[in-house]
Amino acid sequence: DELNIADRHIHIIRGFFPLKENKKNDILIDIKKKLNIRGDFLIYPWTAGTNKNFDRLLKSLKEVNKNYDVSLIVFDEQMSQDLTLRKILIEHNISDKVHFLWYIKESEKYNYYAQSKGCIYASIHESFPFDLSEAVLFDTPIITSQLPAIEKVMWKNVGYFNPILSSSISSAMTQFSQAERITSDYSFLRQTFCLENTLI
């Protein structure tokens, strides 16, 4: 009332992380078989805007695949229509290593994250919030850019690399692929960044 704003213009903004519990699915989908992936795969969670650094990530993926079989699953099929990105995939000879997916049922998402080596996020600039909420929801290991906005939230719970250097990204991806997958525990983050603690 004090601000003279009509109720219809007031919306509740959800917390940084999804407001649901981490529950496993009863039906397990073999993601590697479904997408014909031979080796390990990483999840790339969002669109490839300029600050998302996706072209450098693809270059790094090429380097990693010289010694290891690693694929990338991207949750945005529209990106596959980007002619520049398609050209990069062809030039790097990694078209078969990058899988663009559009709509994924909420009931199936756990399978992708659980069967992945982890989630990778190579942005060169971020403010809060950023696009790692699903990885946090499913306690998925994360390697990400070493940026102040991300470090302040994720602290030592994830692995970091320099997003400007392809060699740093490649090195992090290689170490990530070689290491045994250990389920992370982000329960503290989910409890901290929730609706009750979000200023609206």
C-alpha atoms as a PDB file:
ATOM      1  CA  ASP A   1       0.000   0.000   0.000  1.00  0.00           C
ATOM      2  CA  GLU A   2       2.776   2.412   0.871  1.00  0.00           C
ATOM      3  CA  LEU A   3       4.325   1.981  -2.578  1.00  0.00           C
ATOM      4  CA  ASN A   4       0.957   2.232  -4.317  1.00  0.00           C
ATOM      5  CA  ILE A   5       1.526  -0.946  -6.337  1.00  0.00           C
ATOM      6  CA  ALA A   6      -1.433  -3.060  -7.405  1.00  0.00           C
ATOM      7  CA  ASP A   7      -1.422  -6.696  -6.223  1.00  0.00           C
ATOM      8  CA  ARG A   8      -1.534  -7.936  -9.821  1.00  0.00           C
ATOM      9  CA  HIS A   9       1.884  -6.380 -10.403  1.00  0.00           C
ATOM     10  CA  ILE A  10       3.501  -8.093  -7.432  1.00  0.00           C
ATOM     11  CA  HIS A  11       5.074 -11.472  -8.088  1.00  0.00           C
ATOM     12  CA  ILE A  12       6.859 -13.873  -5.786  1.00  0.00           C
ATOM     13  CA  ILE A  13      10.378 -14.598  -6.996  1.00  0.00           C
ATOM     14  CA  ARG A  14      11.587 -18.078  -6.125  1.00  0.00           C
ATOM     15  CA  GLY A  15      14.897 -18.600  -4.391  1.00  0.00           C
ATOM     16  CA  PHE A  16      18.115 -19.156  -6.304  1.00  0.00           C
ATOM     17  CA  PHE A  17      17.676 -22.924  -6.154  1.00  0.00           C
ATOM     18  CA  PRO A  18      14.523 -24.875  -7.145  1.00  0.00           C
ATOM     19  CA  LEU A  19      11.931 -25.343  -4.440  1.00  0.00           C
ATOM     20  CA  LYS A  20      11.776 -29.114  -4.442  1.00  0.00           C
ATOM     21  CA  GLU A  21      13.573 -31.975  -2.788  1.00  0.00           C
ATOM     22  CA  ASN A  22      16.241 -34.048  -4.426  1.00  0.00           C
ATOM     23  CA  LYS A  23      14.325 -37.253  -5.188  1.00  0.00           C
ATOM     24  CA  LYS A  24      15.576 -40.115  -7.301  1.00  0.00           C
ATOM     25  CA  ASN A  25      13.399 -41.452 -10.080  1.00  0.00           C
ATOM     26  CA  ASP A  26      11.969 -44.936 -10.028  1.00  0.00           C
ATOM     27  CA  ILE A  27      12.584 -45.367 -13.757  1.00  0.00           C
ATOM     28  CA  LEU A  28      16.241 -45.263 -14.728  1.00  0.00           C
ATOM     29  CA  ILE A  29      17.019 -44.199 -18.298  1.00  0.00           C
ATOM     30  CA  ASP A  30      20.380 -45.220 -19.754  1.00  0.00           C
ATOM     31  CA  ILE A  31      21.496 -41.849 -21.106  1.00  0.00           C
ATOM     32  CA  LYS A  32      24.631 -43.137 -22.824  1.00  0.00           C
ATOM     33  CA  LYS A  33      22.630 -45.750 -24.693  1.00  0.00           C
ATOM     34  CA  LYS A  34      19.899 -43.259 -25.554  1.00  0.00           C
ATOM     35  CA  LEU A  35      22.358 -40.740 -27.060  1.00  0.00           C
ATOM     36  CA  ASN A  36      24.944 -43.266 -28.271  1.00  0.00           C
ATOM     37  CA  ILE A  37      27.684 -41.897 -26.012  1.00  0.00           C
ATOM     38  CA  ARG A  38      30.664 -44.196 -25.596  1.00  0.00           C
ATOM     39  CA  GLY A  39      32.711 -42.436 -22.917  1.00  0.00           C
ATOM     40  CA  ASP A  40      31.885 -40.035 -20.102  1.00  0.00           C
ATOM     41  CA  PHE A  41      29.753 -36.938 -20.503  1.00  0.00           C
ATOM     42  CA  LEU A  42      29.386 -33.549 -18.846  1.00  0.00           C
ATOM     43  CA  ILE A  43      26.276 -31.398 -18.551  1.00  0.00           C
ATOM     44  CA  TYR A  44      26.299 -27.842 -19.890  1.00  0.00           C
ATOM     45  CA  PRO A  45      23.234 -26.211 -18.325  1.00  0.00           C
ATOM     46  CA  TRP A  46      22.331 -23.106 -20.294  1.00  0.00           C
ATOM     47  CA  THR A  47      22.446 -20.992 -23.453  1.00  0.00           C
ATOM     48  CA  ALA A  48      25.642 -19.813 -25.135  1.00  0.00           C
ATOM     49  CA  GLY A  49      25.488 -16.053 -24.860  1.00  0.00           C
ATOM     50  CA  THR A  50      28.683 -14.091 -25.451  1.00  0.00           C
ATOM     51  CA  ASN A  51      29.593 -14.155 -21.769  1.00  0.00           C
ATOM     52  CA  LYS A  52      28.964 -17.914 -21.589  1.00  0.00           C
ATOM     53  CA  ASN A  53      32.256 -18.586 -23.376  1.00  0.00           C
ATOM     54  CA  PHE A  54      30.907 -21.620 -25.236  1.00  0.00           C
ATOM     55  CA  ASP A  55      33.287 -21.340 -28.206  1.00  0.00           C
ATOM     56  CA  ARG A  56      36.313 -21.596 -25.878  1.00  0.00           C
ATOM     57  CA  LEU A  57      34.682 -24.514 -24.088  1.00  0.00           C
ATOM     58  CA  LEU A  58      34.330 -26.358 -27.405  1.00  0.00           C
ATOM     59  CA  LYS A  59      37.990 -25.733 -28.192  1.00  0.00           C
ATOM     60  CA  SER A  60      38.871 -27.198 -24.800  1.00  0.00           C
ATOM     61  CA  LEU A  61      36.632 -30.187 -25.442  1.00  0.00           C
ATOM     62  CA  LYS A  62      38.557 -30.878 -28.632  1.00  0.00           C
ATOM     63  CA  GLU A  63      41.853 -30.913 -26.693  1.00  0.00           C
ATOM     64  CA  VAL A  64      40.471 -33.232 -24.026  1.00  0.00           C
ATOM     65  CA  ASN A  65      39.253 -35.703 -26.649  1.00  0.00           C
ATOM     66  CA  LYS A  66      42.780 -36.174 -27.970  1.00  0.00           C
ATOM     67  CA  ASN A  67      43.361 -38.472 -24.995  1.00  0.00           C
ATOM     68  CA  TYR A  68      39.942 -39.093 -23.429  1.00  0.00           C
ATOM     69  CA  ASP A  69      36.453 -39.809 -24.703  1.00  0.00           C
ATOM     70  CA  VAL A  70      34.315 -37.028 -23.237  1.00  0.00           C
ATOM     71  CA  SER A  71      31.014 -35.697 -24.571  1.00  0.00           C
ATOM     72  CA  LEU A  72      28.968 -32.640 -23.708  1.00  0.00           C
ATOM     73  CA  ILE A  73      25.189 -32.594 -23.259  1.00  0.00           C
ATOM     74  CA  VAL A  74      23.729 -29.130 -23.760  1.00  0.00           C
ATOM     75  CA  PHE A  75      20.230 -28.380 -22.492  1.00  0.00           C
ATOM     76  CA  ASP A  76      19.318 -26.074 -25.368  1.00  0.00           C
ATOM     77  CA  GLU A  77      18.520 -27.489 -28.793  1.00  0.00           C
ATOM     78  CA  GLN A  78      18.173 -23.999 -30.320  1.00  0.00           C
ATOM     79  CA  MET A  79      21.918 -23.597 -30.008  1.00  0.00           C
ATOM     80  CA  SER A  80      22.333 -26.344 -32.600  1.00  0.00           C
ATOM     81  CA  GLN A  81      20.824 -23.953 -35.157  1.00  0.00           C
ATOM     82  CA  ASP A  82      23.587 -21.408 -34.576  1.00  0.00           C
ATOM     83  CA  LEU A  83      25.654 -21.513 -37.784  1.00  0.00           C
ATOM     84  CA  THR A  84      28.766 -20.185 -36.061  1.00  0.00           C
ATOM     85  CA  LEU A  85      28.645 -22.924 -33.439  1.00  0.00           C
ATOM     86  CA  ARG A  86      27.987 -25.589 -36.052  1.00  0.00           C
ATOM     87  CA  LYS A  87      31.024 -24.361 -37.977  1.00  0.00           C
ATOM     88  CA  ILE A  88      33.165 -24.607 -34.821  1.00  0.00           C
ATOM     89  CA  LEU A  89      31.945 -28.161 -34.185  1.00  0.00           C
ATOM     90  CA  ILE A  90      32.861 -29.197 -37.712  1.00  0.00           C
ATOM     91  CA  GLU A  91      36.247 -27.444 -37.652  1.00  0.00           C
ATOM     92  CA  HIS A  92      37.139 -29.106 -34.347  1.00  0.00           C
ATOM     93  CA  ASN A  93      35.745 -32.447 -35.518  1.00  0.00           C
ATOM     94  CA  ILE A  94      33.637 -32.839 -32.386  1.00  0.00           C
ATOM     95  CA  SER A  95      30.111 -32.823 -33.850  1.00  0.00           C
ATOM     96  CA  ASP A  96      29.540 -36.294 -32.415  1.00  0.00           C
ATOM     97  CA  LYS A  97      30.735 -35.161 -28.975  1.00  0.00           C
ATOM     98  CA  VAL A  98      28.146 -32.428 -28.420  1.00  0.00           C
ATOM     99  CA  HIS A  99      24.484 -33.322 -27.937  1.00  0.00           C
ATOM    100  CA  PHE A 100      21.912 -30.519 -27.998  1.00  0.00           C
ATOM    101  CA  LEU A 101      18.675 -31.384 -26.212  1.00  0.00           C
ATOM    102  CA  TRP A 102      15.517 -29.318 -26.092  1.00  0.00           C
ATOM    103  CA  TYR A 103      12.697 -30.300 -23.778  1.00  0.00           C
ATOM    104  CA  ILE A 104      13.540 -32.768 -21.029  1.00  0.00           C
ATOM    105  CA  LYS A 105      10.838 -33.946 -18.658  1.00  0.00           C
ATOM    106  CA  GLU A 106      11.399 -32.958 -15.064  1.00  0.00           C
ATOM    107  CA  SER A 107      11.030 -36.622 -14.134  1.00  0.00           C
ATOM    108  CA  GLU A 108      13.973 -37.501 -16.397  1.00  0.00           C
ATOM    109  CA  LYS A 109      16.431 -34.766 -15.461  1.00  0.00           C
ATOM    110  CA  TYR A 110      17.815 -36.618 -12.472  1.00  0.00           C
ATOM    111  CA  ASN A 111      18.971 -39.407 -14.796  1.00  0.00           C
ATOM    112  CA  TYR A 112      21.062 -37.008 -16.879  1.00  0.00           C
ATOM    113  CA  TYR A 113      22.747 -35.391 -13.905  1.00  0.00           C
ATOM    114  CA  ALA A 114      23.232 -38.635 -11.974  1.00  0.00           C
ATOM    115  CA  GLN A 115      24.866 -40.448 -14.883  1.00  0.00           C
ATOM    116  CA  SER A 116      27.090 -37.538 -15.905  1.00  0.00           C
ATOM    117  CA  LYS A 117      30.630 -36.991 -14.689  1.00  0.00           C
ATOM    118  CA  GLY A 118      29.356 -33.633 -13.576  1.00  0.00           C
ATOM    119  CA  CYS A 119      28.348 -30.171 -14.701  1.00  0.00           C
ATOM    120  CA  ILE A 120      30.639 -27.633 -16.386  1.00  0.00           C
ATOM    121  CA  TYR A 121      30.045 -23.886 -16.506  1.00  0.00           C
ATOM    122  CA  ALA A 122      32.593 -21.747 -18.348  1.00  0.00           C
ATOM    123  CA  SER A 123      31.100 -18.259 -18.236  1.00  0.00           C
ATOM    124  CA  ILE A 124      33.456 -15.259 -18.244  1.00  0.00           C
ATOM    125  CA  HIS A 125      31.085 -12.917 -16.420  1.00  0.00           C
ATOM    126  CA  GLU A 126      28.322 -13.655 -13.928  1.00  0.00           C
ATOM    127  CA  SER A 127      26.141 -11.857 -11.468  1.00  0.00           C
ATOM    128  CA  PHE A 128      23.901 -13.569  -8.948  1.00  0.00           C
ATOM    129  CA  PRO A 129      21.942 -15.754  -9.536  1.00  0.00           C
ATOM    130  CA  PHE A 130      23.638 -17.983 -12.111  1.00  0.00           C
ATOM    131  CA  ASP A 131      22.677 -21.150 -13.938  1.00  0.00           C
ATOM    132  CA  LEU A 132      23.748 -23.965 -11.637  1.00  0.00           C
ATOM    133  CA  SER A 133      20.529 -24.524  -9.720  1.00  0.00           C
ATOM    134  CA  GLU A 134      19.726 -27.950 -11.193  1.00  0.00           C
ATOM    135  CA  ALA A 135      23.241 -29.260 -10.613  1.00  0.00           C
ATOM    136  CA  VAL A 136      22.934 -28.127  -6.999  1.00  0.00           C
ATOM    137  CA  LEU A 137      19.472 -29.674  -6.696  1.00  0.00           C
ATOM    138  CA  PHE A 138      20.765 -33.077  -7.823  1.00  0.00           C
ATOM    139  CA  ASP A 139      24.060 -32.883  -5.866  1.00  0.00           C
ATOM    140  CA  THR A 140      26.055 -33.090  -9.091  1.00  0.00           C
ATOM    141  CA  PRO A 141      29.824 -32.393  -9.046  1.00  0.00           C
ATOM    142  CA  ILE A 142      30.591 -29.024 -10.642  1.00  0.00           C
ATOM    143  CA  ILE A 143      33.595 -27.411 -12.301  1.00  0.00           C
ATOM    144  CA  THR A 144      33.130 -23.761 -13.090  1.00  0.00           C
ATOM    145  CA  SER A 145      34.759 -20.441 -13.848  1.00  0.00           C
ATOM    146  CA  GLN A 146      36.617 -18.811 -10.995  1.00  0.00           C
ATOM    147  CA  LEU A 147      34.482 -15.682 -10.735  1.00  0.00           C
ATOM    148  CA  PRO A 148      33.730 -13.638  -7.599  1.00  0.00           C
ATOM    149  CA  ALA A 149      29.933 -14.028  -7.916  1.00  0.00           C
ATOM    150  CA  ILE A 150      30.246 -17.803  -8.119  1.00  0.00           C
ATOM    151  CA  GLU A 151      32.961 -18.186  -5.478  1.00  0.00           C
ATOM    152  CA  LYS A 152      30.963 -16.196  -2.924  1.00  0.00           C
ATOM    153  CA  VAL A 153      28.108 -18.678  -3.223  1.00  0.00           C
ATOM    154  CA  MET A 154      29.756 -21.989  -4.056  1.00  0.00           C
ATOM    155  CA  TRP A 155      32.926 -21.412  -1.996  1.00  0.00           C
ATOM    156  CA  LYS A 156      35.004 -24.641  -1.885  1.00  0.00           C
ATOM    157  CA  ASN A 157      32.149 -26.924  -2.870  1.00  0.00           C
ATOM    158  CA  VAL A 158      33.124 -26.954  -6.568  1.00  0.00           C
ATOM    159  CA  GLY A 159      36.217 -27.069  -8.774  1.00  0.00           C
ATOM    160  CA  TYR A 160      37.444 -23.903 -10.502  1.00  0.00           C
ATOM    161  CA  PHE A 161      39.323 -22.956 -13.663  1.00  0.00           C
ATOM    162  CA  ASN A 162      40.345 -19.771 -15.463  1.00  0.00           C
ATOM    163  CA  PRO A 163      37.639 -19.227 -18.136  1.00  0.00           C
ATOM    164  CA  ILE A 164      39.950 -17.063 -20.273  1.00  0.00           C
ATOM    165  CA  LEU A 165      42.497 -19.832 -20.813  1.00  0.00           C
ATOM    166  CA  SER A 166      41.497 -22.820 -22.916  1.00  0.00           C
ATOM    167  CA  SER A 167      44.391 -24.725 -21.341  1.00  0.00           C
ATOM    168  CA  SER A 168      42.920 -24.160 -17.870  1.00  0.00           C
ATOM    169  CA  ILE A 169      39.496 -25.383 -18.972  1.00  0.00           C
ATOM    170  CA  SER A 170      41.014 -28.408 -20.728  1.00  0.00           C
ATOM    171  CA  SER A 171      43.102 -29.269 -17.687  1.00  0.00           C
ATOM    172  CA  ALA A 172      40.086 -29.044 -15.373  1.00  0.00           C
ATOM    173  CA  MET A 173      37.980 -31.178 -17.729  1.00  0.00           C
ATOM    174  CA  THR A 174      40.736 -33.797 -17.976  1.00  0.00           C
ATOM    175  CA  GLN A 175      41.203 -34.026 -14.199  1.00  0.00           C
ATOM    176  CA  PHE A 176      37.435 -34.132 -13.766  1.00  0.00           C
ATOM    177  CA  SER A 177      37.139 -36.990 -16.271  1.00  0.00           C
ATOM    178  CA  GLN A 178      39.968 -38.977 -14.693  1.00  0.00           C
ATOM    179  CA  ALA A 179      38.720 -38.649 -11.130  1.00  0.00           C
ATOM    180  CA  GLU A 180      36.246 -41.048  -9.560  1.00  0.00           C
ATOM    181  CA  ARG A 181      32.785 -39.507  -9.451  1.00  0.00           C
ATOM    182  CA  ILE A 182      31.762 -38.628  -5.904  1.00  0.00           C
ATOM    183  CA  THR A 183      28.270 -37.271  -5.276  1.00  0.00           C
ATOM    184  CA  SER A 184      28.422 -33.760  -3.869  1.00  0.00           C
ATOM    185  CA  ASP A 185      26.346 -32.499  -0.964  1.00  0.00           C
ATOM    186  CA  TYR A 186      24.836 -29.068  -1.525  1.00  0.00           C
ATOM    187  CA  SER A 187      22.160 -29.359   1.166  1.00  0.00           C
ATOM    188  CA  PHE A 188      23.552 -26.311   2.970  1.00  0.00           C
ATOM    189  CA  LEU A 189      23.257 -24.224  -0.214  1.00  0.00           C
ATOM    190  CA  ARG A 190      19.709 -25.405  -0.829  1.00  0.00           C
ATOM    191  CA  GLN A 191      18.751 -24.485   2.723  1.00  0.00           C
ATOM    192  CA  THR A 192      20.472 -21.097   2.513  1.00  0.00           C
ATOM    193  CA  PHE A 193      19.205 -19.949  -0.882  1.00  0.00           C
ATOM    194  CA  CYS A 194      15.527 -20.742  -0.565  1.00  0.00           C
ATOM    195  CA  LEU A 195      12.305 -18.753  -0.775  1.00  0.00           C
ATOM    196  CA  GLU A 196      12.285 -18.054   2.952  1.00  0.00           C
ATOM    197  CA  ASN A 197      15.727 -16.442   2.752  1.00  0.00           C
ATOM    198  CA  THR A 198      15.194 -14.597  -0.507  1.00  0.00           C
ATOM    199  CA  LEU A 199      14.566 -10.869  -0.299  1.00  0.00           C
ATOM    200  CA  ILE A 200      11.486  -9.992  -2.371  1.00  0.00           C
END
